C-alpha atoms as a PDB file:
ATOM      1  CA  UNK A   1     -41.198  -8.636  21.444  1.00  0.00           C
ATOM      2  CA  UNK A   2     -42.920  -5.566  22.709  1.00  0.00           C
ATOM      3  CA  UNK A   3     -46.119  -7.568  23.959  1.00  0.00           C
ATOM      4  CA  UNK A   4     -48.002 -10.411  24.252  1.00  0.00           C
ATOM      5  CA  UNK A   5     -51.975 -10.187  24.144  1.00  0.00           C
ATOM      6  CA  UNK A   6     -54.747 -12.625  24.005  1.00  0.00           C
ATOM      7  CA  UNK A   7     -58.109 -12.496  22.687  1.00  0.00           C
ATOM      8  CA  UNK A   8     -60.180 -15.203  24.351  1.00  0.00           C
ATOM      9  CA  UNK A   9     -62.708 -14.558  21.442  1.00  0.00           C
ATOM     10  CA  UNK A  10     -60.916 -15.319  18.682  1.00  0.00           C
ATOM     11  CA  UNK A  11     -58.812 -17.778  20.847  1.00  0.00           C
ATOM     12  CA  UNK A  12     -55.601 -16.081  19.270  1.00  0.00           C
ATOM     13  CA  UNK A  13     -52.310 -14.913  20.561  1.00  0.00           C
ATOM     14  CA  UNK A  14     -50.710 -11.489  19.266  1.00  0.00           C
ATOM     15  CA  UNK A  15     -46.983 -11.035  19.477  1.00  0.00           C
ATOM     16  CA  UNK A  16     -45.817  -7.951  18.197  1.00  0.00           C
ATOM     17  CA  UNK A  17     -42.757  -6.126  17.784  1.00  0.00           C
ATOM     18  CA  UNK A  18     -43.968  -2.617  16.443  1.00  0.00           C
ATOM     19  CA  UNK A  19     -47.700  -2.072  17.368  1.00  0.00           C
ATOM     20  CA  UNK A  20     -47.638   0.942  14.857  1.00  0.00           C
ATOM     21  CA  UNK A  21     -46.341  -1.025  11.975  1.00  0.00           C
ATOM     22  CA  UNK A  22     -48.431  -2.205   9.592  1.00  0.00           C
ATOM     23  CA  UNK A  23     -47.898  -5.743   8.062  1.00  0.00           C
ATOM     24  CA  UNK A  24     -47.340  -5.679   4.377  1.00  0.00           C
ATOM     25  CA  UNK A  25     -47.569  -9.576   3.866  1.00  0.00           C
ATOM     26  CA  UNK A  26     -48.721 -12.476   6.187  1.00  0.00           C
ATOM     27  CA  UNK A  27     -47.456 -16.078   6.067  1.00  0.00           C
ATOM     28  CA  UNK A  28     -49.885 -18.785   7.755  1.00  0.00           C
ATOM     29  CA  UNK A  29     -48.027 -22.025   8.631  1.00  0.00           C
ATOM     30  CA  UNK A  30     -50.665 -24.116  10.457  1.00  0.00           C
ATOM     31  CA  UNK A  31     -52.301 -22.587  13.444  1.00  0.00           C
ATOM     32  CA  UNK A  32     -49.305 -19.693  13.406  1.00  0.00           C
ATOM     33  CA  UNK A  33     -49.625 -16.881  11.024  1.00  0.00           C
ATOM     34  CA  UNK A  34     -46.329 -14.570  10.320  1.00  0.00           C
ATOM     35  CA  UNK A  35     -46.536 -10.577   9.667  1.00  0.00           C
ATOM     36  CA  UNK A  36     -43.937  -9.328   7.820  1.00  0.00           C
ATOM     37  CA  UNK A  37     -43.375  -5.752   6.784  1.00  0.00           C
ATOM     38  CA  UNK A  38     -40.757  -6.370   3.624  1.00  0.00           C
ATOM     39  CA  UNK A  39     -38.460  -9.690   4.796  1.00  0.00           C
ATOM     40  CA  UNK A  40     -38.835  -8.568   8.261  1.00  0.00           C
ATOM     41  CA  UNK A  41     -40.888 -10.044  10.989  1.00  0.00           C
ATOM     42  CA  UNK A  42     -42.900  -7.544  12.663  1.00  0.00           C
ATOM     43  CA  UNK A  43     -45.395  -9.914  14.712  1.00  0.00           C
ATOM     44  CA  UNK A  44     -47.129 -13.294  14.915  1.00  0.00           C
ATOM     45  CA  UNK A  45     -50.602 -14.625  15.316  1.00  0.00           C
ATOM     46  CA  UNK A  46     -51.060 -17.963  17.123  1.00  0.00           C
ATOM     47  CA  UNK A  47     -54.842 -19.260  16.882  1.00  0.00           C
ATOM     48  CA  UNK A  48     -55.385 -21.885  19.422  1.00  0.00           C
ATOM     49  CA  UNK A  49     -52.683 -21.714  21.675  1.00  0.00           C
ATOM     50  CA  UNK A  50     -54.047 -24.124  24.386  1.00  0.00           C
ATOM     51  CA  UNK A  51     -53.701 -27.180  21.928  1.00  0.00           C
ATOM     52  CA  UNK A  52     -50.047 -26.240  21.448  1.00  0.00           C
ATOM     53  CA  UNK A  53     -49.352 -26.319  25.538  1.00  0.00           C
ATOM     54  CA  UNK A  54     -49.716 -22.494  25.501  1.00  0.00           C
ATOM     55  CA  UNK A  55     -51.813 -21.477  28.228  1.00  0.00           C
ATOM     56  CA  UNK A  56     -52.423 -17.260  27.789  1.00  0.00           C
ATOM     57  CA  UNK A  57     -54.524 -15.029  30.111  1.00  0.00           C
ATOM     58  CA  UNK A  58     -57.126 -12.666  28.450  1.00  0.00           C
ATOM     59  CA  UNK A  59     -55.583  -9.430  27.931  1.00  0.00           C
ATOM     60  CA  UNK A  60     -51.598  -8.602  27.915  1.00  0.00           C
ATOM     61  CA  UNK A  61     -49.773 -11.286  29.141  1.00  0.00           C
ATOM     62  CA  UNK A  62     -46.864 -10.296  31.360  1.00  0.00           C
ATOM     63  CA  UNK A  63     -45.701 -13.806  31.629  1.00  0.00           C
ATOM     64  CA  UNK A  64     -46.309 -16.235  28.855  1.00  0.00           C
ATOM     65  CA  UNK A  65     -46.969 -19.905  30.405  1.00  0.00           C
ATOM     66  CA  UNK A  66     -45.489 -22.125  27.474  1.00  0.00           C
ATOM     67  CA  UNK A  67     -43.778 -19.322  25.715  1.00  0.00           C
ATOM     68  CA  UNK A  68     -41.048 -21.925  24.872  1.00  0.00           C
ATOM     69  CA  UNK A  69     -43.656 -23.933  22.858  1.00  0.00           C
ATOM     70  CA  UNK A  70     -44.105 -20.553  20.762  1.00  0.00           C
ATOM     71  CA  UNK A  71     -40.624 -20.225  20.087  1.00  0.00           C
ATOM     72  CA  UNK A  72     -40.553 -23.699  18.949  1.00  0.00           C
ATOM     73  CA  UNK A  73     -43.235 -23.359  16.433  1.00  0.00           C
ATOM     74  CA  UNK A  74     -41.976 -19.981  14.757  1.00  0.00           C
ATOM     75  CA  UNK A  75     -38.303 -21.773  14.298  1.00  0.00           C
ATOM     76  CA  UNK A  76     -40.209 -24.670  12.749  1.00  0.00           C
ATOM     77  CA  UNK A  77     -42.312 -22.595  10.408  1.00  0.00           C
ATOM     78  CA  UNK A  78     -38.704 -20.808   9.332  1.00  0.00           C
ATOM     79  CA  UNK A  79     -39.397 -17.490  10.940  1.00  0.00           C
ATOM     80  CA  UNK A  80     -37.466 -17.812  14.168  1.00  0.00           C
ATOM     81  CA  UNK A  81     -38.319 -15.314  17.152  1.00  0.00           C
ATOM     82  CA  UNK A  82     -35.481 -13.209  17.545  1.00  0.00           C
ATOM     83  CA  UNK A  83     -36.542 -11.042  20.492  1.00  0.00           C
ATOM     84  CA  UNK A  84     -37.378 -12.255  24.183  1.00  0.00           C
ATOM     85  CA  UNK A  85     -40.489 -10.620  25.524  1.00  0.00           C
ATOM     86  CA  UNK A  86     -39.592  -7.440  27.507  1.00  0.00           C
ATOM     87  CA  UNK A  87     -40.178  -7.090  31.260  1.00  0.00           C
ATOM     88  CA  UNK A  88     -43.720  -6.700  32.199  1.00  0.00           C
ATOM     89  CA  UNK A  89     -43.154  -2.801  33.467  1.00  0.00           C
ATOM     90  CA  UNK A  90     -44.884  -4.329  36.971  1.00  0.00           C
ATOM     91  CA  UNK A  91     -41.901  -3.293  39.494  1.00  0.00           C
ATOM     92  CA  UNK A  92     -41.876  -4.095  42.846  1.00  0.00           C
ATOM     93  CA  UNK A  93     -40.852  -1.040  44.961  1.00  0.00           C
ATOM     94  CA  UNK A  94     -40.262   0.252  47.881  1.00  0.00           C
ATOM     95  CA  UNK A  95     -41.891   3.719  49.860  1.00  0.00           C
ATOM     96  CA  UNK A  96     -39.258   5.580  51.175  1.00  0.00           C
ATOM     97  CA  UNK A  97     -41.307   8.684  52.184  1.00  0.00           C
ATOM     98  CA  UNK A  98     -45.049   9.849  51.646  1.00  0.00           C
ATOM     99  CA  UNK A  99     -46.352  13.354  51.829  1.00  0.00           C
ATOM    100  CA  UNK A 100     -49.784  14.907  51.683  1.00  0.00           C
ATOM    101  CA  UNK A 101     -50.590  16.287  47.871  1.00  0.00           C
ATOM    102  CA  UNK A 102     -50.725  20.322  47.875  1.00  0.00           C
ATOM    103  CA  UNK A 103     -53.806  20.082  45.472  1.00  0.00           C
ATOM    104  CA  UNK A 104     -55.942  16.734  45.775  1.00  0.00           C
ATOM    105  CA  UNK A 105     -57.694  15.776  48.678  1.00  0.00           C
ATOM    106  CA  UNK A 106     -56.964  12.046  49.873  1.00  0.00           C
ATOM    107  CA  UNK A 107     -54.244  11.918  47.657  1.00  0.00           C
ATOM    108  CA  UNK A 108     -50.147  11.595  48.560  1.00  0.00           C
ATOM    109  CA  UNK A 109     -47.247  11.739  47.052  1.00  0.00           C
ATOM    110  CA  UNK A 110     -45.074   8.877  47.242  1.00  0.00           C
ATOM    111  CA  UNK A 111     -41.545   8.630  46.782  1.00  0.00           C
ATOM    112  CA  UNK A 112     -40.173   5.326  45.621  1.00  0.00           C
ATOM    113  CA  UNK A 113     -37.509   3.367  44.824  1.00  0.00           C
ATOM    114  CA  UNK A 114     -37.262   0.390  42.431  1.00  0.00           C
ATOM    115  CA  UNK A 115     -33.029  -0.503  43.831  1.00  0.00           C
ATOM    116  CA  UNK A 116     -31.492   1.094  41.104  1.00  0.00           C
ATOM    117  CA  UNK A 117     -33.779   4.879  40.553  1.00  0.00           C
ATOM    118  CA  UNK A 118     -35.763   6.944  42.692  1.00  0.00           C
ATOM    119  CA  UNK A 119     -39.655   7.137  41.771  1.00  0.00           C
ATOM    120  CA  UNK A 120     -42.476   9.557  42.716  1.00  0.00           C
ATOM    121  CA  UNK A 121     -46.127   9.173  42.079  1.00  0.00           C
ATOM    122  CA  UNK A 122     -49.352  10.246  43.324  1.00  0.00           C
ATOM    123  CA  UNK A 123     -51.934   7.149  44.816  1.00  0.00           C
ATOM    124  CA  UNK A 124     -55.446   8.003  46.366  1.00  0.00           C
ATOM    125  CA  UNK A 125     -54.761   4.373  48.123  1.00  0.00           C
ATOM    126  CA  UNK A 126     -54.430   4.913  52.033  1.00  0.00           C
ATOM    127  CA  UNK A 127     -53.262   1.676  52.937  1.00  0.00           C
ATOM    128  CA  UNK A 128     -49.571   1.725  51.865  1.00  0.00           C
ATOM    129  CA  UNK A 129     -46.800   3.406  54.149  1.00  0.00           C
ATOM    130  CA  UNK A 130     -43.274   4.178  54.222  1.00  0.00           C
ATOM    131  CA  UNK A 131     -41.154   0.717  54.485  1.00  0.00           C
ATOM    132  CA  UNK A 132     -43.726  -1.182  52.543  1.00  0.00           C
ATOM    133  CA  UNK A 133     -42.893  -2.717  49.128  1.00  0.00           C
ATOM    134  CA  UNK A 134     -45.891  -2.233  46.064  1.00  0.00           C
ATOM    135  CA  UNK A 135     -46.108  -3.237  42.611  1.00  0.00           C
ATOM    136  CA  UNK A 136     -45.998  -0.070  40.601  1.00  0.00           C
ATOM    137  CA  UNK A 137     -46.402  -0.112  36.752  1.00  0.00           C
ATOM    138  CA  UNK A 138     -43.604   1.812  35.536  1.00  0.00           C
ATOM    139  CA  UNK A 139     -44.432   2.132  31.508  1.00  0.00           C
ATOM    140  CA  UNK A 140     -46.097   0.254  29.167  1.00  0.00           C
ATOM    141  CA  UNK A 141     -48.812  -2.060  28.399  1.00  0.00           C
ATOM    142  CA  UNK A 142     -51.431  -2.850  31.255  1.00  0.00           C
ATOM    143  CA  UNK A 143     -53.064  -6.072  31.939  1.00  0.00           C
ATOM    144  CA  UNK A 144     -56.178  -4.873  30.507  1.00  0.00           C
ATOM    145  CA  UNK A 145     -54.271  -3.762  27.134  1.00  0.00           C
ATOM    146  CA  UNK A 146     -54.065  -0.008  27.931  1.00  0.00           C
ATOM    147  CA  UNK A 147     -50.835   1.963  27.894  1.00  0.00           C
ATOM    148  CA  UNK A 148     -49.487   3.468  30.968  1.00  0.00           C
ATOM    149  CA  UNK A 149     -46.891   6.445  30.090  1.00  0.00           C
ATOM    150  CA  UNK A 150     -45.000   8.346  32.736  1.00  0.00           C
ATOM    151  CA  UNK A 151     -45.715  12.026  32.892  1.00  0.00           C
ATOM    152  CA  UNK A 152     -45.950  15.133  34.925  1.00  0.00           C
ATOM    153  CA  UNK A 153     -48.937  16.472  36.698  1.00  0.00           C
ATOM    154  CA  UNK A 154     -49.080  19.892  38.613  1.00  0.00           C
ATOM    155  CA  UNK A 155     -45.450  19.778  38.673  1.00  0.00           C
ATOM    156  CA  UNK A 156     -44.991  16.589  40.009  1.00  0.00           C
ATOM    157  CA  UNK A 157     -43.753  13.434  38.005  1.00  0.00           C
ATOM    158  CA  UNK A 158     -45.755  10.210  38.073  1.00  0.00           C
ATOM    159  CA  UNK A 159     -42.831   8.050  37.472  1.00  0.00           C
ATOM    160  CA  UNK A 160     -45.344   5.074  37.907  1.00  0.00           C
ATOM    161  CA  UNK A 161     -49.106   3.793  38.817  1.00  0.00           C
ATOM    162  CA  UNK A 162     -49.639   2.206  42.201  1.00  0.00           C
ATOM    163  CA  UNK A 163     -51.440  -0.968  41.662  1.00  0.00           C
ATOM    164  CA  UNK A 164     -54.355  -2.658  43.653  1.00  0.00           C
ATOM    165  CA  UNK A 165     -55.098  -6.620  43.616  1.00  0.00           C
ATOM    166  CA  UNK A 166     -57.273  -6.009  40.972  1.00  0.00           C
ATOM    167  CA  UNK A 167     -55.195  -4.048  38.563  1.00  0.00           C
ATOM    168  CA  UNK A 168     -52.767  -7.378  38.797  1.00  0.00           C
ATOM    169  CA  UNK A 169     -55.510  -9.686  38.692  1.00  0.00           C
ATOM    170  CA  UNK A 170     -55.212 -11.652  41.921  1.00  0.00           C
ATOM    171  CA  UNK A 171     -57.925 -10.083  43.492  1.00  0.00           C
ATOM    172  CA  UNK A 172     -61.495  -7.836  43.603  1.00  0.00           C
ATOM    173  CA  UNK A 173     -59.890  -5.313  45.916  1.00  0.00           C
ATOM    174  CA  UNK A 174     -59.222  -1.761  43.499  1.00  0.00           C
ATOM    175  CA  UNK A 175     -59.598   0.553  46.325  1.00  0.00           C
ATOM    176  CA  UNK A 176     -56.007  -0.335  48.516  1.00  0.00           C
ATOM    177  CA  UNK A 177     -52.387  -0.685  47.122  1.00  0.00           C
ATOM    178  CA  UNK A 178     -51.190  -4.204  46.924  1.00  0.00           C
ATOM    179  CA  UNK A 179     -48.761  -5.011  49.536  1.00  0.00           C
ATOM    180  CA  UNK A 180     -46.003  -7.281  48.427  1.00  0.00           C
ATOM    181  CA  UNK A 181     -44.608  -9.512  50.785  1.00  0.00           C
ATOM    182  CA  UNK A 182     -42.165 -11.929  49.066  1.00  0.00           C
ATOM    183  CA  UNK A 183     -40.384 -10.218  46.507  1.00  0.00           C
ATOM    184  CA  UNK A 184     -37.851  -7.664  46.868  1.00  0.00           C
ATOM    185  CA  UNK A 185     -37.392  -4.118  45.640  1.00  0.00           C
ATOM    186  CA  UNK A 186     -36.603  -3.749  41.926  1.00  0.00           C
ATOM    187  CA  UNK A 187     -37.764  -7.093  40.816  1.00  0.00           C
ATOM    188  CA  UNK A 188     -40.030  -7.544  37.847  1.00  0.00           C
ATOM    189  CA  UNK A 189     -43.634  -8.490  39.884  1.00  0.00           C
ATOM    190  CA  UNK A 190     -44.227 -11.145  36.991  1.00  0.00           C
ATOM    191  CA  UNK A 191     -40.719 -12.807  36.641  1.00  0.00           C
ATOM    192  CA  UNK A 192     -39.548 -15.736  38.651  1.00  0.00           C
END
């Protein structure tokens, strides 16, 4: 699956393999609706997920508590989930060095490592320094459902987006980077 979202107003969990593909047919089996394009499953909608032992959070679910229950429901409906959820795209990165941004006041360029590759980004957060481990969104859906795509700005690669506690839904602080103390460089922040 590409992504898992939850809308508490509808009390519906949405799983999609292709957000850009429109379903041609929907098959309802209890609380589960299977979305099909031809005979291919392109997504699932599950109403009342808590009643099935699934504990979603509002918006994008980087890690879904009770995912195995959803797999069981889809299997029992005759439409098994064939793909595992992708990683969250929230990666623990080590700050290898920093420098002042040549054009933006109070901004810095961060040179990062995710353990396998070197990344570059720009941030206004002043609390993170060389040697710190921070959480960086490296692509895909943010927790609020918007999308981050790597890009180049002012000839500087923006390979990731530095996350605050607010961005990670673990606190109200939105003007400082979250400094990770437990996880290691390269780990997915939301995976065990």
